[in-house]
Amino acid sequence: MIKKSYERELEKLGAFEISFDMLKLSEKNEKHLKFLNAGRGNPNWINSLGRLAFARLMEFGVAESKRTLDKGDLAGYVDSKEIAERYNAFLNHGDEVDVFLKKIVEYSADHLGLDKAALITELTNGIIGNNYPVPSRCLENTEHIINAFLQSILYGKTDLRKKTKVFPVEGGTAAIVYIFDALKHNGLIKEGDRIAINTPVFTPYIQIPRLSNFDLAEINLLATEENDWQIPDSEFEKLLDPSIKAFFLVNPSNPGSRSLTDETLEQLRKVVEKRPDLIIITDDVYGTFVNNFRTVYSVCPRNTILVYSYSKLYGVTGWRLGVIAINEDNVFDELIKKVPDKKKKELESDYSIVTLNPSEMSFIDRICADSRSIGLYHTSGLSTPQQIMMVLLSMTHLVLENEKDQYIEGCKEIVAMRYHNLMSTLGLPEDNSDCNAKYYSLLDIYQLAEKSYDKDFATWLRNHFEEIDFLLHLAKEDGVVLMEGVGFGATPGTVRVSEANLADNDYKKIANRILSLLKEYHEKYAKEKKDK
């Protein structure tokens, strides 16, 4: 029996911490059913070409190092002289992976204007990780390639590739932390400031502002299923309040899994026209799962900090590959110049240890410096092998040029099938609009109870049990782990299902187990009703 006191204690934790606790219950579930964890959004697919290219490029890097010193396991350094010729000679032009490595160089030269020898040298030194990242923020050629990738998948028809600076970081979560820290350190947000959050949203965006280190006042811009998870005009009007310093959103949303429509983006653009000082942070990790996706950054480039992660699309959560992108012409640099004189002097003193012109140091470079407490700026930056993996994954898409990316289409098909299996088995209508990424599903247990039985039962369930009770019983009895929606800012009674990390048919099983547990609740309800 699950005690109410235990449930109350669990509710003090974050949504992810609650799901971790439920893992223990579900693995030893009472019905001895197959353990099904649809809590976390870790994909169960990978991009193989990028990984094979990484291994092959590493082989070339070691061979190059042995050219200058070869004493057993002791090798030397990479000599860039005539490296392009040796690179071509090394590659087997009948091998798929080697052909891809050759295409990378050709594409970069022909479409991005990069020097072949310089690129090959960067790839080679980067893959073996024999030097600190130089420049610290991002390797030179790597920045061009990442930007070309972001242009293709996120920027749409708005040409921002040559106007954007990027900072590769240890996944999207590190990006969030670095941005919050740099915003506070530079006086762009301070304790007690008001910020707006598009809810429901990824839990850390709710939790971090509440920490004593920030102590920010949150204003919710609520999106609902009834409004197709779009932000209504009435909610956008809240952003016109000049006391609101920043607006945070995930697009497509997590857990709603819907992208903003062109109409919604236009409304945000109009808000920014009236609020040119508004700071926007958009987390676009699920953008590639939406057809014809458009990032907020493409609509409001001056005001927006873009966060992207390779983890969900390419199955590299363990690699920790994320990126922060900011336009060269941005409001953040302007706002820093307008901070009070006392704060301005503090900042100039802080950054003077890493630059002779601290007042001219761009915000994105400050984020990089702050990520290592400024004093260790000279050893900051993402590890070079991680940066090269970003290049290789980006290039699996870019070298296709005008061809359809079958890998990305395949990923979309995977989550679409799982979404269909879940919703059709539950007997719920499917949303097959272009805005639905289908990476997650947010289910309202009370609505499902009403649809499966009647309104009286749904009311009884709402009055007697919260979603935490439902989730704990689903784990303990049926071996299924889902996440509660309240932790994401969703309405009570909602649970999140990840369509990323289980076999296709497992989503039918999850649906059936949800319906089975609802039946048990209904039997209890019917008995109570009869006993009255």
Protein backbone atom coordinates (compact mmCIF):
# COMPACT_ATOMS: atom_id res chain seq x y z
CA MET A 1 0.00 0.00 0.00
CA ILE A 2 1.27 3.47 -0.90
CA LYS A 3 0.91 5.82 2.05
CA LYS A 4 -0.34 9.38 1.64
CA SER A 5 2.56 10.64 3.75
CA TYR A 6 4.98 9.12 1.21
CA GLU A 7 3.10 10.81 -1.64
CA ARG A 8 3.28 14.18 0.10
CA GLU A 9 7.02 13.82 0.59
CA LEU A 10 7.50 12.91 -3.07
CA GLU A 11 5.55 15.96 -4.20
CA LYS A 12 8.28 18.18 -2.70
CA LEU A 13 10.72 16.84 -5.32
CA GLY A 14 11.09 17.88 -8.95
CA ALA A 15 9.35 15.92 -11.71
CA PHE A 16 12.53 14.10 -12.74
CA GLU A 17 13.43 13.18 -9.17
CA ILE A 18 9.94 11.76 -8.65
CA SER A 19 10.32 9.59 -11.76
CA PHE A 20 13.67 8.27 -10.49
CA ASP A 21 11.98 7.19 -7.27
CA MET A 22 9.27 5.41 -9.24
CA LEU A 23 11.87 3.36 -11.14
CA LYS A 24 12.47 1.22 -8.05
CA LEU A 25 8.76 0.51 -7.71
CA SER A 26 8.22 -0.32 -11.37
CA GLU A 27 11.20 -2.66 -11.77
CA LYS A 28 9.70 -4.92 -9.09
CA ASN A 29 6.06 -4.33 -10.03
CA GLU A 30 3.40 -6.49 -8.39
CA LYS A 31 2.10 -7.97 -11.66
CA HIS A 32 5.60 -8.98 -12.82
CA LEU A 33 5.05 -7.18 -16.10
CA LYS A 34 7.76 -5.91 -18.43
CA PHE A 35 9.26 -2.74 -16.98
CA LEU A 36 8.42 0.20 -19.27
CA ASN A 37 10.11 3.55 -18.58
CA ALA A 38 8.53 6.28 -20.70
CA GLY A 39 9.62 8.99 -18.29
CA ARG A 40 12.79 10.48 -19.70
CA GLY A 41 13.17 11.70 -23.28
CA ASN A 42 16.36 9.79 -24.06
CA PRO A 43 16.00 8.49 -27.66
CA ASN A 44 16.67 4.79 -28.35
CA TRP A 45 18.15 5.47 -31.78
CA ILE A 46 21.53 6.84 -32.89
CA ASN A 47 23.15 8.37 -35.93
CA SER A 48 25.68 5.77 -37.09
CA LEU A 49 27.42 7.67 -39.91
CA GLY A 50 28.64 10.48 -37.63
CA ARG A 51 30.04 7.98 -35.14
CA LEU A 52 31.79 5.87 -37.78
CA ALA A 53 33.27 9.02 -39.29
CA PHE A 54 34.49 10.03 -35.84
CA ALA A 55 36.31 6.71 -35.45
CA ARG A 56 37.83 6.91 -38.92
CA LEU A 57 38.93 10.52 -38.46
CA MET A 58 40.51 9.56 -35.13
CA GLU A 59 42.47 6.88 -36.97
CA PHE A 60 43.75 9.52 -39.39
CA GLY A 61 44.62 11.82 -36.50
CA VAL A 62 46.72 9.17 -34.78
CA ALA A 63 48.45 8.29 -38.07
CA GLU A 64 49.28 11.96 -38.57
CA SER A 65 50.66 12.23 -35.04
CA LYS A 66 52.91 9.22 -35.62
CA ARG A 67 54.46 10.97 -38.60
CA THR A 68 56.31 13.39 -36.31
CA LEU A 69 57.09 10.96 -33.48
CA ASP A 70 56.53 7.21 -33.35
CA LYS A 71 57.84 5.32 -30.32
CA GLY A 72 55.33 2.62 -29.46
CA ASP A 73 52.32 4.32 -27.84
CA LEU A 74 54.19 7.62 -27.85
CA ALA A 75 53.17 9.73 -30.83
CA GLY A 76 53.85 13.34 -31.75
CA TYR A 77 51.96 16.31 -33.13
CA VAL A 78 50.06 17.10 -36.32
CA ASP A 79 52.02 18.82 -39.09
CA SER A 80 49.67 20.85 -41.27
CA LYS A 81 52.06 21.02 -44.22
CA GLU A 82 50.53 19.09 -47.18
CA ILE A 83 47.91 17.60 -44.82
CA ALA A 84 45.16 17.87 -47.44
CA GLU A 85 47.08 15.62 -49.82
CA ARG A 86 47.68 13.04 -47.09
CA TYR A 87 44.02 13.22 -46.05
CA ASN A 88 42.88 12.37 -49.58
CA ALA A 89 45.45 9.60 -49.89
CA PHE A 90 44.33 8.12 -46.55
CA LEU A 91 40.68 7.88 -47.54
CA ASN A 92 39.35 4.84 -49.39
CA HIS A 93 37.12 6.29 -52.10
CA GLY A 94 35.08 3.09 -52.30
CA ASP A 95 34.12 3.21 -48.62
CA GLU A 96 30.89 4.97 -47.56
CA VAL A 97 32.39 6.55 -44.44
CA ASP A 98 35.52 7.72 -46.24
CA VAL A 99 33.44 9.17 -49.07
CA PHE A 100 31.49 11.11 -46.44
CA LEU A 101 34.73 12.46 -44.92
CA LYS A 102 35.79 13.62 -48.36
CA LYS A 103 32.39 15.26 -48.96
CA ILE A 104 32.74 17.21 -45.71
CA VAL A 105 35.83 18.99 -46.99
CA GLU A 106 34.43 19.54 -50.48
CA TYR A 107 31.14 20.93 -49.16
CA SER A 108 32.90 23.23 -46.70
CA ALA A 109 35.11 24.66 -49.44
CA ASP A 110 32.44 24.95 -52.13
CA HIS A 111 29.48 26.17 -50.02
CA LEU A 112 31.00 27.78 -46.94
CA GLY A 113 34.20 29.17 -48.43
CA LEU A 114 36.47 27.39 -45.95
CA ASP A 115 40.11 26.61 -46.65
CA LYS A 116 40.54 22.85 -47.11
CA ALA A 117 43.92 22.53 -45.41
CA ALA A 118 42.87 24.69 -42.46
CA LEU A 119 39.68 22.67 -42.01
CA ILE A 120 41.45 19.31 -42.19
CA THR A 121 44.04 20.52 -39.69
CA GLU A 122 41.27 21.67 -37.32
CA LEU A 123 39.41 18.38 -37.69
CA THR A 124 42.58 16.38 -37.10
CA ASN A 125 43.82 18.27 -34.06
CA GLY A 126 40.29 18.52 -32.75
CA ILE A 127 39.55 14.81 -33.00
CA ILE A 128 42.67 13.76 -31.09
CA GLY A 129 42.09 16.49 -28.51
CA ASN A 130 45.75 17.45 -28.20
CA ASN A 131 45.19 21.19 -27.69
CA TYR A 132 42.98 23.50 -25.68
CA PRO A 133 40.06 24.90 -27.69
CA VAL A 134 41.35 27.96 -29.56
CA PRO A 135 39.46 30.26 -29.80
CA SER A 136 38.02 29.30 -26.43
CA ARG A 137 34.41 29.89 -27.41
CA CYS A 138 34.43 27.81 -30.62
CA LEU A 139 36.92 26.46 -33.13
CA GLU A 140 36.99 28.76 -36.16
CA ASN A 141 35.83 26.43 -38.94
CA THR A 142 33.56 24.55 -36.57
CA GLU A 143 31.59 27.75 -35.92
CA HIS A 144 30.91 28.19 -39.65
CA ILE A 145 29.68 24.59 -39.97
CA ILE A 146 27.47 24.66 -36.87
CA ASN A 147 25.94 27.90 -38.12
CA ALA A 148 25.28 26.39 -41.55
CA PHE A 149 23.53 23.49 -39.81
CA LEU A 150 21.42 25.78 -37.61
CA GLN A 151 20.54 27.86 -40.67
CA SER A 152 19.27 24.76 -42.43
CA ILE A 153 17.23 23.27 -39.59
CA LEU A 154 16.14 26.29 -37.51
CA TYR A 155 16.62 29.69 -39.15
CA GLY A 156 14.38 28.95 -42.14
CA LYS A 157 14.31 31.59 -44.86
CA THR A 158 15.83 34.22 -42.55
CA ASP A 159 19.53 34.34 -43.47
CA LEU A 160 21.37 34.51 -40.14
CA ARG A 161 24.33 32.18 -40.73
CA LYS A 162 26.98 34.87 -41.16
CA LYS A 163 25.52 37.12 -38.46
CA THR A 164 25.44 34.58 -35.63
CA LYS A 165 28.05 33.66 -33.04
CA VAL A 166 27.90 30.24 -31.40
CA PHE A 167 29.24 28.78 -28.17
CA PRO A 168 29.28 24.94 -28.08
CA VAL A 169 28.58 23.67 -24.57
CA GLU A 170 28.02 20.44 -22.64
CA GLY A 171 24.45 19.87 -23.76
CA GLY A 172 21.33 22.03 -23.56
CA THR A 173 21.26 21.82 -19.76
CA ALA A 174 24.71 23.40 -19.49
CA ALA A 175 23.53 26.10 -21.88
CA ILE A 176 20.64 26.95 -19.56
CA VAL A 177 22.92 27.18 -16.52
CA TYR A 178 25.56 29.28 -18.28
CA ILE A 179 22.95 31.70 -19.64
CA PHE A 180 21.25 32.22 -16.27
CA ASP A 181 24.60 32.75 -14.55
CA ALA A 182 25.84 35.24 -17.17
CA LEU A 183 22.57 37.18 -17.21
CA LYS A 184 22.80 37.62 -13.47
CA HIS A 185 26.52 38.38 -13.34
CA ASN A 186 26.15 41.07 -16.01
CA GLY A 187 23.24 42.74 -14.27
CA LEU A 188 20.67 41.88 -16.96
CA ILE A 189 18.56 40.07 -14.38
CA LYS A 190 18.84 40.46 -10.62
CA GLU A 191 17.20 39.04 -7.53
CA GLY A 192 13.54 39.97 -7.37
CA ASP A 193 13.22 40.69 -11.09
CA ARG A 194 10.14 39.47 -12.90
CA ILE A 195 10.51 36.98 -15.75
CA ALA A 196 7.90 35.34 -17.98
CA ILE A 197 7.83 31.62 -18.73
CA ASN A 198 5.72 29.90 -21.37
CA THR A 199 4.14 27.05 -19.40
CA PRO A 200 3.95 24.09 -19.40
CA VAL A 201 7.73 24.02 -19.77
CA PHE A 202 10.85 21.93 -19.12
CA THR A 203 11.08 21.71 -15.31
CA PRO A 204 14.49 23.43 -14.79
CA TYR A 205 13.13 26.64 -16.34
CA ILE A 206 10.67 26.71 -13.43
CA GLN A 207 13.06 25.50 -10.74
CA ILE A 208 16.23 27.52 -11.45
CA PRO A 209 14.65 31.00 -11.15
CA ARG A 210 13.26 30.02 -7.74
CA LEU A 211 16.66 29.11 -6.32
CA SER A 212 18.07 31.48 -3.71
CA ASN A 213 20.91 32.32 -6.11
CA PHE A 214 18.38 33.99 -8.44
CA ASP A 215 15.10 34.46 -6.52
CA LEU A 216 13.22 35.65 -9.59
CA ALA A 217 9.48 36.31 -9.70
CA GLU A 218 7.84 34.11 -12.32
CA ILE A 219 4.97 35.22 -14.54
CA ASN A 220 3.36 32.37 -16.49
CA LEU A 221 2.32 32.72 -20.11
CA LEU A 222 -0.02 29.76 -20.17
CA ALA A 223 -0.57 27.67 -23.30
CA THR A 224 -3.37 25.12 -23.19
CA GLU A 225 -4.44 22.11 -25.22
CA GLU A 226 -7.74 23.87 -25.97
CA ASN A 227 -5.69 26.53 -27.78
CA ASP A 228 -3.51 23.92 -29.56
CA TRP A 229 -0.68 24.77 -27.12
CA GLN A 230 -0.27 28.22 -28.68
CA ILE A 231 0.23 31.35 -26.55
CA PRO A 232 -2.93 33.47 -26.81
CA ASP A 233 -2.75 37.22 -27.45
CA SER A 234 -4.04 37.89 -23.94
CA GLU A 235 -1.00 36.13 -22.49
CA PHE A 236 1.43 37.95 -24.79
CA GLU A 237 0.07 41.24 -23.46
CA LYS A 238 1.76 40.43 -20.15
CA LEU A 239 5.13 40.95 -21.87
CA LEU A 240 4.29 44.59 -22.50
CA ASP A 241 4.87 45.22 -18.78
CA PRO A 242 8.37 46.82 -18.68
CA SER A 243 9.05 45.24 -15.28
CA ILE A 244 9.27 41.83 -16.99
CA LYS A 245 12.92 41.52 -17.96
CA ALA A 246 12.98 38.20 -19.83
CA PHE A 247 10.81 35.59 -21.52
CA PHE A 248 11.78 31.90 -21.54
CA LEU A 249 10.25 29.22 -23.74
CA VAL A 250 10.84 25.77 -25.20
CA ASN A 251 9.82 25.52 -28.87
CA PRO A 252 8.46 22.95 -29.71
CA SER A 253 7.20 22.83 -26.15
CA ASN A 254 8.10 20.26 -23.53
CA PRO A 255 5.83 18.57 -22.50
CA GLY A 256 3.17 19.90 -24.91
CA SER A 257 5.36 18.95 -27.90
CA ARG A 258 3.92 21.70 -30.17
CA SER A 259 5.80 24.38 -32.08
CA LEU A 260 4.69 27.98 -32.34
CA THR A 261 2.70 28.74 -35.47
CA ASP A 262 3.58 31.56 -37.86
CA GLU A 263 0.68 33.54 -36.40
CA THR A 264 1.98 33.12 -32.84
CA LEU A 265 5.50 34.08 -33.92
CA GLU A 266 4.11 37.21 -35.57
CA GLN A 267 2.39 38.18 -32.34
CA LEU A 268 5.67 37.82 -30.47
CA ARG A 269 7.42 39.94 -33.08
CA LYS A 270 4.85 42.70 -32.51
CA VAL A 271 5.46 42.49 -28.76
CA VAL A 272 9.20 42.95 -29.30
CA GLU A 273 8.52 46.00 -31.46
CA LYS A 274 6.91 47.56 -28.40
CA ARG A 275 9.43 46.02 -25.97
CA PRO A 276 12.81 46.34 -27.74
CA ASP A 277 14.60 45.67 -24.43
CA LEU A 278 12.93 42.28 -23.83
CA ILE A 279 15.30 39.33 -23.39
CA ILE A 280 14.12 36.07 -24.97
CA ILE A 281 15.60 32.62 -24.44
CA THR A 282 14.32 29.89 -26.76
CA ASP A 283 15.23 26.22 -26.33
CA ASP A 284 14.70 24.59 -29.75
CA VAL A 285 15.99 21.06 -29.15
CA TYR A 286 12.86 19.44 -30.66
CA GLY A 287 12.66 21.73 -33.69
CA THR A 288 13.85 19.09 -36.15
CA PHE A 289 10.83 16.90 -35.35
CA VAL A 290 8.49 19.53 -36.81
CA ASN A 291 7.96 20.09 -40.52
CA ASN A 292 8.95 23.57 -41.73
CA PHE A 293 10.02 24.61 -38.24
CA ARG A 294 10.78 28.29 -37.51
CA THR A 295 12.68 29.39 -34.45
CA VAL A 296 11.84 32.52 -32.48
CA TYR A 297 15.44 33.55 -33.19
CA SER A 298 14.59 33.90 -36.90
CA VAL A 299 11.75 36.31 -36.04
CA CYS A 300 13.36 38.30 -33.20
CA PRO A 301 17.12 37.81 -33.75
CA ARG A 302 18.27 40.91 -31.83
CA ASN A 303 16.44 39.90 -28.65
CA THR A 304 16.86 36.14 -28.65
CA ILE A 305 19.37 33.73 -27.14
CA LEU A 306 19.01 30.42 -28.98
CA VAL A 307 19.72 27.09 -27.30
CA TYR A 308 20.00 23.91 -29.36
CA SER A 309 21.10 20.38 -28.49
CA TYR A 310 22.06 17.53 -30.81
CA SER A 311 21.05 14.97 -28.19
CA LYS A 312 17.45 14.18 -29.13
CA LEU A 313 17.86 14.04 -32.91
CA TYR A 314 21.16 12.19 -33.13
CA GLY A 315 20.96 10.03 -30.00
CA VAL A 316 23.97 11.65 -28.33
CA THR A 317 22.67 12.45 -24.83
CA GLY A 318 25.82 10.85 -23.41
CA TRP A 319 28.05 13.01 -25.60
CA ARG A 320 26.65 16.26 -24.12
CA LEU A 321 26.49 18.34 -27.31
CA GLY A 322 24.67 21.66 -27.08
CA VAL A 323 25.12 25.15 -28.46
CA ILE A 324 24.25 28.74 -27.55
CA ALA A 325 23.71 31.12 -30.48
CA ILE A 326 23.44 34.93 -30.37
CA ASN A 327 23.24 37.48 -33.16
CA GLU A 328 26.18 39.85 -33.60
CA ASP A 329 23.71 42.75 -33.45
CA ASN A 330 21.91 42.12 -30.18
CA VAL A 331 20.12 43.84 -27.33
CA PHE A 332 22.27 42.15 -24.64
CA ASP A 333 25.40 44.11 -25.52
CA GLU A 334 23.29 47.29 -25.48
CA LEU A 335 21.75 46.51 -22.10
CA ILE A 336 25.16 45.84 -20.55
CA LYS A 337 26.26 49.34 -21.55
CA LYS A 338 23.21 50.72 -19.72
CA VAL A 339 23.71 49.00 -16.36
CA PRO A 340 24.30 51.37 -13.40
CA ASP A 341 27.79 52.86 -13.17
CA LYS A 342 28.66 50.92 -10.04
CA LYS A 343 27.80 47.61 -11.72
CA LYS A 344 29.57 48.69 -14.90
CA LYS A 345 32.79 49.33 -12.96
CA GLU A 346 32.50 45.92 -11.26
CA LEU A 347 32.12 44.20 -14.62
CA GLU A 348 35.02 46.09 -16.17
CA SER A 349 37.17 45.05 -13.22
CA ASP A 350 36.06 41.40 -13.49
CA TYR A 351 36.65 41.06 -17.24
CA SER A 352 39.82 43.18 -17.28
CA ILE A 353 41.84 40.10 -16.37
CA VAL A 354 40.98 38.51 -19.74
CA THR A 355 40.71 41.48 -22.13
CA LEU A 356 42.19 44.96 -22.51
CA ASN A 357 38.77 46.30 -23.57
CA PRO A 358 36.30 44.77 -21.08
CA SER A 359 33.55 47.26 -21.95
CA GLU A 360 33.59 45.97 -25.55
CA MET A 361 33.50 42.27 -24.66
CA SER A 362 30.42 40.74 -26.29
CA PHE A 363 27.78 39.01 -24.17
CA ILE A 364 28.36 35.60 -25.74
CA ASP A 365 32.07 35.85 -24.95
CA ARG A 366 31.11 36.84 -21.41
CA ILE A 367 28.95 33.70 -21.17
CA CYS A 368 32.02 31.68 -22.17
CA ALA A 369 34.24 33.47 -19.64
CA ASP A 370 31.65 33.18 -16.87
CA SER A 371 31.37 29.45 -17.52
CA ARG A 372 34.89 29.20 -16.05
CA SER A 373 34.56 31.98 -13.45
CA ILE A 374 36.49 34.32 -15.79
CA GLY A 375 39.84 33.46 -14.19
CA LEU A 376 39.94 30.18 -16.11
CA TYR A 377 38.72 31.71 -19.37
CA HIS A 378 41.97 30.65 -21.05
CA THR A 379 41.00 26.99 -20.51
CA SER A 380 37.29 27.40 -21.25
CA GLY A 381 35.34 25.98 -24.16
CA LEU A 382 33.88 22.61 -25.01
CA SER A 383 36.37 19.77 -25.55
CA THR A 384 37.58 19.70 -29.13
CA PRO A 385 36.51 16.06 -29.79
CA GLN A 386 32.97 17.04 -28.78
CA GLN A 387 33.10 20.02 -31.14
CA ILE A 388 34.28 17.77 -33.98
CA MET A 389 31.42 15.36 -33.28
CA MET A 390 29.07 18.33 -33.72
CA VAL A 391 30.73 19.02 -37.08
CA LEU A 392 30.31 15.42 -38.22
CA LEU A 393 26.67 15.20 -37.15
CA SER A 394 25.92 18.56 -38.77
CA MET A 395 27.56 17.40 -41.97
CA THR A 396 25.46 14.23 -42.21
CA HIS A 397 22.66 16.69 -42.92
CA LEU A 398 24.48 19.44 -44.82
CA VAL A 399 26.22 17.34 -47.47
CA LEU A 400 22.82 16.18 -48.71
CA GLU A 401 22.34 19.72 -50.05
CA ASN A 402 18.89 19.76 -51.69
CA GLU A 403 18.11 16.09 -51.03
CA LYS A 404 15.62 15.10 -48.31
CA ASP A 405 17.40 14.03 -45.13
CA GLN A 406 16.23 10.44 -44.74
CA TYR A 407 17.76 10.19 -41.27
CA ILE A 408 15.70 13.09 -39.94
CA GLU A 409 12.59 11.83 -41.73
CA GLY A 410 13.19 8.40 -40.19
CA CYS A 411 13.34 9.92 -36.69
CA LYS A 412 10.04 11.69 -37.30
CA GLU A 413 8.46 8.43 -38.47
CA ILE A 414 9.62 6.63 -35.31
CA VAL A 415 7.98 9.06 -32.88
CA ALA A 416 4.90 9.36 -35.11
CA MET A 417 4.32 5.60 -35.01
CA ARG A 418 4.71 5.47 -31.24
CA TYR A 419 2.39 8.45 -30.82
CA HIS A 420 -0.20 6.69 -33.01
CA ASN A 421 0.09 3.45 -31.04
CA LEU A 422 -0.42 5.29 -27.75
CA MET A 423 -3.30 7.52 -28.79
CA SER A 424 -5.21 4.97 -30.88
CA THR A 425 -5.05 2.38 -28.09
CA LEU A 426 -6.29 4.95 -25.57
CA GLY A 427 -9.05 5.86 -28.01
CA LEU A 428 -7.98 9.51 -28.09
CA PRO A 429 -7.95 11.74 -31.19
CA GLU A 430 -4.58 12.25 -32.86
CA ASP A 431 -3.10 15.63 -33.72
CA ASN A 432 -1.31 15.15 -37.04
CA SER A 433 -0.71 18.84 -37.69
CA ASP A 434 2.75 20.03 -38.69
CA CYS A 435 3.13 21.73 -35.29
CA ASN A 436 3.06 18.45 -33.38
CA ALA A 437 6.60 17.14 -32.82
CA LYS A 438 5.09 13.94 -31.29
CA TYR A 439 8.16 13.52 -29.11
CA TYR A 440 6.00 13.69 -25.97
CA SER A 441 2.33 13.30 -25.21
CA LEU A 442 0.62 15.08 -22.33
CA LEU A 443 -2.35 13.03 -21.13
CA ASP A 444 -5.10 14.30 -18.87
CA ILE A 445 -6.07 11.34 -16.69
CA TYR A 446 -9.29 12.98 -15.54
CA GLN A 447 -10.40 13.64 -19.12
CA LEU A 448 -9.49 10.07 -20.05
CA ALA A 449 -11.54 8.82 -17.08
CA GLU A 450 -14.55 10.80 -18.27
CA LYS A 451 -14.17 9.56 -21.85
CA SER A 452 -13.72 5.94 -20.77
CA TYR A 453 -16.57 5.98 -18.21
CA ASP A 454 -18.50 9.12 -17.27
CA LYS A 455 -18.23 12.59 -15.76
CA ASP A 456 -19.22 11.45 -12.25
CA PHE A 457 -16.34 8.99 -12.14
CA ALA A 458 -13.91 11.66 -13.38
CA THR A 459 -15.13 14.00 -10.63
CA TRP A 460 -14.72 11.27 -8.00
CA LEU A 461 -11.20 10.53 -9.24
CA ARG A 462 -10.28 14.22 -9.18
CA ASN A 463 -11.59 14.62 -5.63
CA HIS A 464 -9.98 11.50 -4.20
CA PHE A 465 -6.71 11.06 -6.08
CA GLU A 466 -4.00 13.29 -7.50
CA GLU A 467 -1.84 12.35 -10.48
CA ILE A 468 1.01 11.37 -8.14
CA ASP A 469 -1.21 8.62 -6.71
CA PHE A 470 -2.07 7.41 -10.21
CA LEU A 471 1.59 7.42 -11.28
CA LEU A 472 2.79 5.58 -8.19
CA HIS A 473 0.18 2.85 -8.62
CA LEU A 474 1.00 2.62 -12.34
CA ALA A 475 4.64 2.04 -11.41
CA LYS A 476 4.08 -0.23 -8.41
CA GLU A 477 1.38 -2.43 -9.94
CA ASP A 478 1.92 -2.22 -13.71
CA GLY A 479 5.64 -1.43 -14.09
CA VAL A 480 5.16 1.80 -16.08
CA VAL A 481 7.05 5.01 -15.33
CA LEU A 482 5.61 8.29 -16.61
CA MET A 483 6.21 11.86 -15.43
CA GLU A 484 3.70 14.03 -13.62
CA GLY A 485 2.66 17.16 -15.47
CA VAL A 486 2.40 19.57 -12.55
CA GLY A 487 6.20 19.68 -12.29
CA PHE A 488 6.23 21.14 -15.81
CA GLY A 489 3.61 23.72 -14.92
CA ALA A 490 0.80 21.71 -16.51
CA THR A 491 -2.66 21.37 -14.98
CA PRO A 492 -3.29 18.79 -12.20
CA GLY A 493 -4.17 15.36 -13.53
CA THR A 494 -1.78 15.44 -16.48
CA VAL A 495 1.07 13.01 -17.11
CA ARG A 496 3.84 13.11 -19.70
CA VAL A 497 4.67 10.14 -21.93
CA SER A 498 7.95 10.12 -23.84
CA GLU A 499 7.68 8.58 -27.31
CA ALA A 500 11.47 8.41 -27.61
CA ASN A 501 12.83 5.55 -25.59
CA LEU A 502 10.78 2.36 -25.96
CA ALA A 503 9.91 -0.07 -28.74
CA ASP A 504 6.96 0.91 -30.95
CA ASN A 505 4.55 -1.72 -29.58
CA ASP A 506 5.41 -0.83 -25.98
CA TYR A 507 3.24 2.25 -26.36
CA LYS A 508 0.21 0.04 -26.93
CA LYS A 509 1.15 -1.77 -23.69
CA ILE A 510 1.47 1.52 -21.81
CA ALA A 511 -1.95 2.60 -23.05
CA ASN A 512 -3.53 -0.71 -22.05
CA ARG A 513 -1.96 -0.55 -18.58
CA ILE A 514 -3.24 3.00 -18.10
CA LEU A 515 -6.73 1.81 -19.07
CA SER A 516 -6.38 -1.22 -16.80
CA LEU A 517 -5.47 0.97 -13.81
CA LEU A 518 -8.36 3.31 -14.60
CA LYS A 519 -10.62 0.27 -14.53
CA GLU A 520 -9.35 -0.61 -11.06
CA TYR A 521 -10.11 2.92 -9.86
CA HIS A 522 -13.55 2.68 -11.44
CA GLU A 523 -14.27 -0.60 -9.68
CA LYS A 524 -13.37 1.07 -6.38
CA TYR A 525 -15.62 4.00 -7.28
CA ALA A 526 -18.51 1.67 -8.21
CA LYS A 527 -18.14 -0.24 -4.93
CA GLU A 528 -18.20 2.96 -2.87
CA LYS A 529 -21.23 4.13 -4.80
CA LYS A 530 -23.00 0.82 -4.24
CA ASP A 531 -22.17 0.75 -0.53
CA LYS A 532 -23.77 4.17 -0.11
